[in-house]
PDB file of N, CA and C in Angstrom:
ATOM      1  N   MET A   1      -4.834   0.064   3.737  1.00  0.00           N
ATOM      2  CA  MET A   1      -3.955   1.040   3.156  1.00  0.00           C
ATOM      3  C   MET A   1      -2.555   0.780   3.693  1.00  0.00           C
ATOM      4  N   TRP A   2      -1.579   0.829   2.809  1.00  0.00           N
ATOM      5  CA  TRP A   2      -0.171   0.539   3.111  1.00  0.00           C
ATOM      6  C   TRP A   2       0.634   1.749   2.677  1.00  0.00           C
ATOM      7  N   GLU A   3       1.484   2.292   3.573  1.00  0.00           N
ATOM      8  CA  GLU A   3       2.265   3.477   3.227  1.00  0.00           C
ATOM      9  C   GLU A   3       3.686   3.348   3.742  1.00  0.00           C
ATOM     10  N   ALA A   4       4.642   3.684   2.871  1.00  0.00           N
ATOM     11  CA  ALA A   4       6.055   3.640   3.248  1.00  0.00           C
ATOM     12  C   ALA A   4       6.764   4.887   2.722  1.00  0.00           C
ATOM     13  N   ARG A   5       7.815   5.270   3.407  1.00  0.00           N
ATOM     14  CA  ARG A   5       8.645   6.396   2.964  1.00  0.00           C
ATOM     15  C   ARG A   5      10.016   5.852   2.597  1.00  0.00           C
ATOM     16  N   ALA A   6      10.414   6.136   1.375  1.00  0.00           N
ATOM     17  CA  ALA A   6      11.680   5.605   0.865  1.00  0.00           C
ATOM     18  C   ALA A   6      12.878   6.301   1.516  1.00  0.00           C
ATOM     19  N   ALA A   7      13.960   5.580   1.585  1.00  0.00           N
ATOM     20  CA  ALA A   7      15.233   6.169   2.006  1.00  0.00           C
ATOM     21  C   ALA A   7      15.634   7.209   0.961  1.00  0.00           C
ATOM     22  N   GLU A   8      16.457   8.138   1.357  1.00  0.00           N
ATOM     23  CA  GLU A   8      16.904   9.228   0.484  1.00  0.00           C
ATOM     24  C   GLU A   8      17.337   8.716  -0.886  1.00  0.00           C
ATOM     25  N   GLY A   9      16.689   9.236  -1.935  1.00  0.00           N
ATOM     26  CA  GLY A   9      17.045   8.883  -3.303  1.00  0.00           C
ATOM     27  C   GLY A   9      16.587   7.515  -3.777  1.00  0.00           C
ATOM     28  N   ARG A  10      15.777   6.817  -2.991  1.00  0.00           N
ATOM     29  CA  ARG A  10      15.380   5.446  -3.344  1.00  0.00           C
ATOM     30  C   ARG A  10      13.893   5.326  -3.673  1.00  0.00           C
ATOM     31  N   GLY A  11      13.242   6.451  -3.940  1.00  0.00           N
ATOM     32  CA  GLY A  11      11.807   6.441  -4.210  1.00  0.00           C
ATOM     33  C   GLY A  11      11.412   5.583  -5.393  1.00  0.00           C
ATOM     34  N   GLU A  12      12.142   5.679  -6.489  1.00  0.00           N
ATOM     35  CA  GLU A  12      11.815   4.879  -7.680  1.00  0.00           C
ATOM     36  C   GLU A  12      12.011   3.390  -7.411  1.00  0.00           C
ATOM     37  N   GLU A  13      13.037   3.045  -6.637  1.00  0.00           N
ATOM     38  CA  GLU A  13      13.266   1.629  -6.285  1.00  0.00           C
ATOM     39  C   GLU A  13      12.128   1.091  -5.428  1.00  0.00           C
ATOM     40  N   LEU A  14      11.694   1.895  -4.454  1.00  0.00           N
ATOM     41  CA  LEU A  14      10.586   1.463  -3.600  1.00  0.00           C
ATOM     42  C   LEU A  14       9.315   1.295  -4.429  1.00  0.00           C
ATOM     43  N   LEU A  15       9.057   2.233  -5.317  1.00  0.00           N
ATOM     44  CA  LEU A  15       7.887   2.140  -6.185  1.00  0.00           C
ATOM     45  C   LEU A  15       7.944   0.871  -7.039  1.00  0.00           C
ATOM     46  N   ALA A  16       9.100   0.578  -7.615  1.00  0.00           N
ATOM     47  CA  ALA A  16       9.261  -0.642  -8.420  1.00  0.00           C
ATOM     48  C   ALA A  16       9.061  -1.890  -7.558  1.00  0.00           C
ATOM     49  N   TRP A  17       9.591  -1.869  -6.346  1.00  0.00           N
ATOM     50  CA  TRP A  17       9.443  -3.014  -5.441  1.00  0.00           C
ATOM     51  C   TRP A  17       7.964  -3.260  -5.151  1.00  0.00           C
ATOM     52  N   VAL A  18       7.233  -2.180  -4.812  1.00  0.00           N
ATOM     53  CA  VAL A  18       5.800  -2.310  -4.504  1.00  0.00           C
ATOM     54  C   VAL A  18       5.050  -2.875  -5.701  1.00  0.00           C
ATOM     55  N   ARG A  19       5.318  -2.342  -6.886  1.00  0.00           N
ATOM     56  CA  ARG A  19       4.615  -2.808  -8.084  1.00  0.00           C
ATOM     57  C   ARG A  19       4.887  -4.273  -8.374  1.00  0.00           C
ATOM     58  N   GLY A  20       6.002  -4.790  -7.943  1.00  0.00           N
ATOM     59  CA  GLY A  20       6.350  -6.191  -8.167  1.00  0.00           C
ATOM     60  C   GLY A  20       5.772  -7.153  -7.148  1.00  0.00           C
ATOM     61  N   GLN A  21       5.169  -6.641  -6.087  1.00  0.00           N
ATOM     62  CA  GLN A  21       4.620  -7.501  -5.040  1.00  0.00           C
ATOM     63  C   GLN A  21       3.247  -8.025  -5.430  1.00  0.00           C
ATOM     64  N   ARG A  22       3.055  -9.308  -5.273  1.00  0.00           N
ATOM     65  CA  ARG A  22       1.763  -9.942  -5.526  1.00  0.00           C
ATOM     66  C   ARG A  22       1.160 -10.363  -4.195  1.00  0.00           C
ATOM     67  N   LEU A  23      -0.138 -10.253  -4.117  1.00  0.00           N
ATOM     68  CA  LEU A  23      -0.851 -10.677  -2.913  1.00  0.00           C
ATOM     69  C   LEU A  23      -1.339 -12.110  -3.092  1.00  0.00           C
ATOM     70  N   ALA A  24      -1.617 -12.784  -1.985  1.00  0.00           N
ATOM     71  CA  ALA A  24      -2.070 -14.179  -2.035  1.00  0.00           C
ATOM     72  C   ALA A  24      -3.441 -14.305  -2.692  1.00  0.00           C
ATOM     73  N   ALA A  25      -4.203 -13.230  -2.716  1.00  0.00           N
ATOM     74  CA  ALA A  25      -5.509 -13.186  -3.383  1.00  0.00           C
ATOM     75  C   ALA A  25      -5.620 -11.835  -4.078  1.00  0.00           C
ATOM     76  N   GLU A  26      -6.489 -11.760  -5.072  1.00  0.00           N
ATOM     77  CA  GLU A  26      -6.667 -10.511  -5.819  1.00  0.00           C
ATOM     78  C   GLU A  26      -7.729  -9.639  -5.154  1.00  0.00           C
ATOM     79  N   PRO A  27      -7.404  -8.388  -4.846  1.00  0.00           N
ATOM     80  CA  PRO A  27      -8.429  -7.486  -4.311  1.00  0.00           C
ATOM     81  C   PRO A  27      -9.391  -7.063  -5.422  1.00  0.00           C
ATOM     82  N   LEU A  28     -10.506  -6.461  -5.042  1.00  0.00           N
ATOM     83  CA  LEU A  28     -11.423  -5.909  -6.031  1.00  0.00           C
ATOM     84  C   LEU A  28     -10.737  -4.798  -6.823  1.00  0.00           C
ATOM     85  N   ARG A  29      -9.892  -4.053  -6.138  1.00  0.00           N
ATOM     86  CA  ARG A  29      -9.162  -2.946  -6.750  1.00  0.00           C
ATOM     87  C   ARG A  29      -7.879  -2.724  -5.967  1.00  0.00           C
ATOM     88  N   ARG A  30      -6.834  -2.332  -6.667  1.00  0.00           N
ATOM     89  CA  ARG A  30      -5.552  -1.992  -6.042  1.00  0.00           C
ATOM     90  C   ARG A  30      -5.024  -0.748  -6.741  1.00  0.00           C
ATOM     91  N   GLU A  31      -4.731   0.276  -5.965  1.00  0.00           N
ATOM     92  CA  GLU A  31      -4.239   1.534  -6.522  1.00  0.00           C
ATOM     93  C   GLU A  31      -2.922   1.902  -5.838  1.00  0.00           C
ATOM     94  N   THR A  32      -1.924   2.262  -6.632  1.00  0.00           N
ATOM     95  CA  THR A  32      -0.618   2.677  -6.118  1.00  0.00           C
ATOM     96  C   THR A  32      -0.463   4.168  -6.379  1.00  0.00           C
ATOM     97  N   LEU A  33      -0.065   4.894  -5.333  1.00  0.00           N
ATOM     98  CA  LEU A  33       0.095   6.343  -5.436  1.00  0.00           C
ATOM     99  C   LEU A  33       1.460   6.737  -4.866  1.00  0.00           C
ATOM    100  N   ARG A  34       1.905   7.944  -5.205  1.00  0.00           N
ATOM    101  CA  ARG A  34       3.107   8.459  -4.564  1.00  0.00           C
ATOM    102  C   ARG A  34       2.877   9.897  -4.155  1.00  0.00           C
ATOM    103  N   ALA A  35       3.700  10.356  -3.210  1.00  0.00           N
ATOM    104  CA  ALA A  35       3.572  11.702  -2.667  1.00  0.00           C
ATOM    105  C   ALA A  35       4.970  12.267  -2.449  1.00  0.00           C
ATOM    106  N   PRO A  36       5.058  13.568  -2.151  1.00  0.00           N
ATOM    107  CA  PRO A  36       6.367  14.154  -1.862  1.00  0.00           C
ATOM    108  C   PRO A  36       7.103  13.391  -0.763  1.00  0.00           C
ATOM    109  N   GLN A  37       8.396  13.604  -0.703  1.00  0.00           N
ATOM    110  CA  GLN A  37       9.289  12.928   0.246  1.00  0.00           C
ATOM    111  C   GLN A  37       9.355  11.432  -0.018  1.00  0.00           C
ATOM    112  N   ASP A  38       9.209  11.055  -1.296  1.00  0.00           N
ATOM    113  CA  ASP A  38       9.335   9.655  -1.716  1.00  0.00           C
ATOM    114  C   ASP A  38       8.437   8.705  -0.928  1.00  0.00           C
ATOM    115  N   ARG A  39       7.204   9.132  -0.698  1.00  0.00           N
ATOM    116  CA  ARG A  39       6.224   8.255  -0.057  1.00  0.00           C
ATOM    117  C   ARG A  39       5.497   7.450  -1.125  1.00  0.00           C
ATOM    118  N   VAL A  40       5.233   6.190  -0.813  1.00  0.00           N
ATOM    119  CA  VAL A  40       4.484   5.297  -1.693  1.00  0.00           C
ATOM    120  C   VAL A  40       3.297   4.770  -0.894  1.00  0.00           C
ATOM    121  N   LEU A  41       2.129   4.816  -1.519  1.00  0.00           N
ATOM    122  CA  LEU A  41       0.896   4.406  -0.869  1.00  0.00           C
ATOM    123  C   LEU A  41       0.201   3.378  -1.751  1.00  0.00           C
ATOM    124  N   VAL A  42      -0.298   2.313  -1.123  1.00  0.00           N
ATOM    125  CA  VAL A  42      -1.077   1.300  -1.842  1.00  0.00           C
ATOM    126  C   VAL A  42      -2.404   1.147  -1.108  1.00  0.00           C
ATOM    127  N   VAL A  43      -3.488   1.329  -1.859  1.00  0.00           N
ATOM    128  CA  VAL A  43      -4.831   1.171  -1.311  1.00  0.00           C
ATOM    129  C   VAL A  43      -5.462  -0.019  -2.016  1.00  0.00           C
ATOM    130  N   THR A  44      -6.005  -0.939  -1.238  1.00  0.00           N
ATOM    131  CA  THR A  44      -6.680  -2.100  -1.812  1.00  0.00           C
ATOM    132  C   THR A  44      -8.125  -2.144  -1.307  1.00  0.00           C
ATOM    133  N   TRP A  45      -9.011  -2.624  -2.175  1.00  0.00           N
ATOM    134  CA  TRP A  45     -10.422  -2.790  -1.832  1.00  0.00           C
ATOM    135  C   TRP A  45     -10.728  -4.284  -1.823  1.00  0.00           C
ATOM    136  N   TRP A  46     -11.446  -4.733  -0.775  1.00  0.00           N
ATOM    137  CA  TRP A  46     -11.751  -6.153  -0.608  1.00  0.00           C
ATOM    138  C   TRP A  46     -13.238  -6.354  -0.380  1.00  0.00           C
ATOM    139  N   GLU A  47     -13.735  -7.472  -0.847  1.00  0.00           N
ATOM    140  CA  GLU A  47     -15.107  -7.908  -0.574  1.00  0.00           C
ATOM    141  C   GLU A  47     -15.115  -8.504   0.823  1.00  0.00           C
ATOM    142  N   GLY A  48     -16.156  -8.224   1.609  1.00  0.00           N
ATOM    143  CA  GLY A  48     -16.279  -8.874   2.910  1.00  0.00           C
ATOM    144  C   GLY A  48     -16.375  -7.895   4.060  1.00  0.00           C
ATOM    145  N   ALA A  49     -16.480  -8.447   5.245  1.00  0.00           N
ATOM    146  CA  ALA A  49     -16.623  -7.658   6.463  1.00  0.00           C
ATOM    147  C   ALA A  49     -15.305  -6.981   6.844  1.00  0.00           C
ATOM    148  N   TYR A  50     -15.425  -5.910   7.601  1.00  0.00           N
ATOM    149  CA  TYR A  50     -14.262  -5.116   8.017  1.00  0.00           C
ATOM    150  C   TYR A  50     -13.207  -5.958   8.741  1.00  0.00           C
ATOM    151  N   ASP A  51     -13.643  -6.869   9.572  1.00  0.00           N
ATOM    152  CA  ASP A  51     -12.696  -7.624  10.400  1.00  0.00           C
ATOM    153  C   ASP A  51     -12.202  -8.929   9.766  1.00  0.00           C
ATOM    154  N   GLU A  52     -12.559  -9.179   8.507  1.00  0.00           N
ATOM    155  CA  GLU A  52     -12.045 -10.382   7.831  1.00  0.00           C
ATOM    156  C   GLU A  52     -10.552 -10.241   7.549  1.00  0.00           C
ATOM    157  N   GLU A  53      -9.864 -11.361   7.553  1.00  0.00           N
ATOM    158  CA  GLU A  53      -8.437 -11.376   7.202  1.00  0.00           C
ATOM    159  C   GLU A  53      -8.281 -11.130   5.713  1.00  0.00           C
ATOM    160  N   VAL A  54      -7.355 -10.253   5.355  1.00  0.00           N
ATOM    161  CA  VAL A  54      -7.036 -10.009   3.944  1.00  0.00           C
ATOM    162  C   VAL A  54      -5.518 -10.028   3.794  1.00  0.00           C
ATOM    163  N   PRO A  55      -5.018 -10.389   2.620  1.00  0.00           N
ATOM    164  CA  PRO A  55      -3.571 -10.395   2.413  1.00  0.00           C
ATOM    165  C   PRO A  55      -2.995  -8.986   2.556  1.00  0.00           C
ATOM    166  N   GLU A  56      -1.802  -8.897   3.077  1.00  0.00           N
ATOM    167  CA  GLU A  56      -1.116  -7.624   3.260  1.00  0.00           C
ATOM    168  C   GLU A  56       0.185  -7.610   2.476  1.00  0.00           C
ATOM    169  N   LEU A  57       0.563  -6.458   1.990  1.00  0.00           N
ATOM    170  CA  LEU A  57       1.898  -6.317   1.410  1.00  0.00           C
ATOM    171  C   LEU A  57       2.923  -6.439   2.536  1.00  0.00           C
ATOM    172  N   PRO A  58       4.061  -7.046   2.268  1.00  0.00           N
ATOM    173  CA  PRO A  58       5.070  -7.215   3.320  1.00  0.00           C
ATOM    174  C   PRO A  58       5.852  -5.930   3.569  1.00  0.00           C
ATOM    175  N   GLU A  59       6.729  -5.978   4.545  1.00  0.00           N
ATOM    176  CA  GLU A  59       7.689  -4.897   4.774  1.00  0.00           C
ATOM    177  C   GLU A  59       8.704  -4.946   3.633  1.00  0.00           C
ATOM    178  N   PRO A  60       9.060  -3.801   3.081  1.00  0.00           N
ATOM    179  CA  PRO A  60      10.098  -3.790   2.045  1.00  0.00           C
ATOM    180  C   PRO A  60      11.478  -3.999   2.673  1.00  0.00           C
ATOM    181  N   PRO A  61      12.485  -4.294   1.860  1.00  0.00           N
ATOM    182  CA  PRO A  61      13.834  -4.418   2.388  1.00  0.00           C
ATOM    183  C   PRO A  61      14.216  -3.148   3.164  1.00  0.00           C
ATOM    184  N   GLY A  62      14.855  -3.316   4.292  1.00  0.00           N
ATOM    185  CA  GLY A  62      15.179  -2.214   5.190  1.00  0.00           C
ATOM    186  C   GLY A  62      15.942  -1.068   4.559  1.00  0.00           C
ATOM    187  N   GLU A  63      16.798  -1.369   3.596  1.00  0.00           N
ATOM    188  CA  GLU A  63      17.602  -0.306   2.977  1.00  0.00           C
ATOM    189  C   GLU A  63      16.777   0.598   2.067  1.00  0.00           C
ATOM    190  N   LEU A  64      15.557   0.186   1.717  1.00  0.00           N
ATOM    191  CA  LEU A  64      14.703   1.004   0.841  1.00  0.00           C
ATOM    192  C   LEU A  64      13.864   2.037   1.594  1.00  0.00           C
ATOM    193  N   VAL A  65      13.706   1.868   2.910  1.00  0.00           N
ATOM    194  CA  VAL A  65      12.784   2.721   3.660  1.00  0.00           C
ATOM    195  C   VAL A  65      13.457   3.411   4.839  1.00  0.00           C
ATOM    196  N   THR A  66      12.812   4.497   5.297  1.00  0.00           N
ATOM    197  CA  THR A  66      13.342   5.243   6.438  1.00  0.00           C
ATOM    198  C   THR A  66      12.709   4.820   7.756  1.00  0.00           C
ATOM    199  N   ARG A  67      11.621   4.068   7.691  1.00  0.00           N
ATOM    200  CA  ARG A  67      10.905   3.643   8.892  1.00  0.00           C
ATOM    201  C   ARG A  67      10.023   2.447   8.533  1.00  0.00           C
ATOM    202  N   ALA A  68       9.425   1.859   9.538  1.00  0.00           N
ATOM    203  CA  ALA A  68       8.508   0.739   9.298  1.00  0.00           C
ATOM    204  C   ALA A  68       7.293   1.221   8.498  1.00  0.00           C
ATOM    205  N   VAL A  69       6.703   0.318   7.766  1.00  0.00           N
ATOM    206  CA  VAL A  69       5.496   0.595   6.985  1.00  0.00           C
ATOM    207  C   VAL A  69       4.347   0.937   7.929  1.00  0.00           C
ATOM    208  N   HIS A  70       3.493   1.860   7.506  1.00  0.00           N
ATOM    209  CA  HIS A  70       2.257   2.156   8.230  1.00  0.00           C
ATOM    210  C   HIS A  70       1.117   1.465   7.505  1.00  0.00           C
ATOM    211  N   ARG A  71       0.229   0.860   8.269  1.00  0.00           N
ATOM    212  CA  ARG A  71      -0.939   0.172   7.702  1.00  0.00           C
ATOM    213  C   ARG A  71      -2.195   0.633   8.432  1.00  0.00           C
ATOM    214  N   TRP A  72      -3.255   0.868   7.647  1.00  0.00           N
ATOM    215  CA  TRP A  72      -4.548   1.229   8.211  1.00  0.00           C
ATOM    216  C   TRP A  72      -5.625   0.461   7.473  1.00  0.00           C
ATOM    217  N   ARG A  73      -6.695   0.169   8.176  1.00  0.00           N
ATOM    218  CA  ARG A  73      -7.876  -0.426   7.538  1.00  0.00           C
ATOM    219  C   ARG A  73      -9.028   0.550   7.672  1.00  0.00           C
ATOM    220  N   PHE A  74      -9.807   0.640   6.616  1.00  0.00           N
ATOM    221  CA  PHE A  74     -10.963   1.521   6.591  1.00  0.00           C
ATOM    222  C   PHE A  74     -12.171   0.729   6.122  1.00  0.00           C
ATOM    223  N   GLU A  75     -13.325   1.223   6.456  1.00  0.00           N
ATOM    224  CA  GLU A  75     -14.582   0.638   6.006  1.00  0.00           C
ATOM    225  C   GLU A  75     -15.280   1.662   5.123  1.00  0.00           C
ATOM    226  N   SER A  76     -15.680   1.255   3.933  1.00  0.00           N
ATOM    227  CA  SER A  76     -16.367   2.152   3.001  1.00  0.00           C
ATOM    228  C   SER A  76     -17.776   2.450   3.510  1.00  0.00           C
ATOM    229  N   LEU A  77     -18.096   3.738   3.588  1.00  0.00           N
ATOM    230  CA  LEU A  77     -19.408   4.151   4.066  1.00  0.00           C
ATOM    231  C   LEU A  77     -20.240   4.841   2.996  1.00  0.00           C
ATOM    232  N   ASP A  78     -19.569   5.418   1.999  1.00  0.00           N
ATOM    233  CA  ASP A  78     -20.277   6.228   1.019  1.00  0.00           C
ATOM    234  C   ASP A  78     -19.408   6.350  -0.223  1.00  0.00           C
ATOM    235  N   VAL A  79     -20.004   6.237  -1.385  1.00  0.00           N
ATOM    236  CA  VAL A  79     -19.302   6.423  -2.646  1.00  0.00           C
ATOM    237  C   VAL A  79     -20.079   7.449  -3.456  1.00  0.00           C
ATOM    238  N   ARG A  80     -19.381   8.490  -3.896  1.00  0.00           N
ATOM    239  CA  ARG A  80     -20.012   9.524  -4.717  1.00  0.00           C
ATOM    240  C   ARG A  80     -19.166   9.736  -5.969  1.00  0.00           C
ATOM    241  N   THR A  81     -19.808   9.963  -7.054  1.00  0.00           N
ATOM    242  CA  THR A  81     -19.095  10.284  -8.302  1.00  0.00           C
ATOM    243  C   THR A  81     -19.671  11.577  -8.838  1.00  0.00           C
ATOM    244  N   GLY A  82     -18.784  12.348  -9.482  1.00  0.00           N
ATOM    245  CA  GLY A  82     -19.210  13.606 -10.106  1.00  0.00           C
ATOM    246  C   GLY A  82     -19.574  14.647  -9.206  1.00  0.00           C
TER     247      GLY A  82
END
């Protein structure tokens, strides 16, 4: 999971920048979300073990964000629908 907070008034630019980024390999799924305070979140799903190397989105240009990107890795334990 990749999360960044845009600089004041730059949320749409950050969102466009994220959407334009390509990874070195294609994940099983990639979802882009946004939240209040111009936060942009990208969640990717990968085949393989938790500790395997996977491509990461880079840091955006400094003028687009208020702080460094936050990154977290999670392991899927349960999937429920409905």
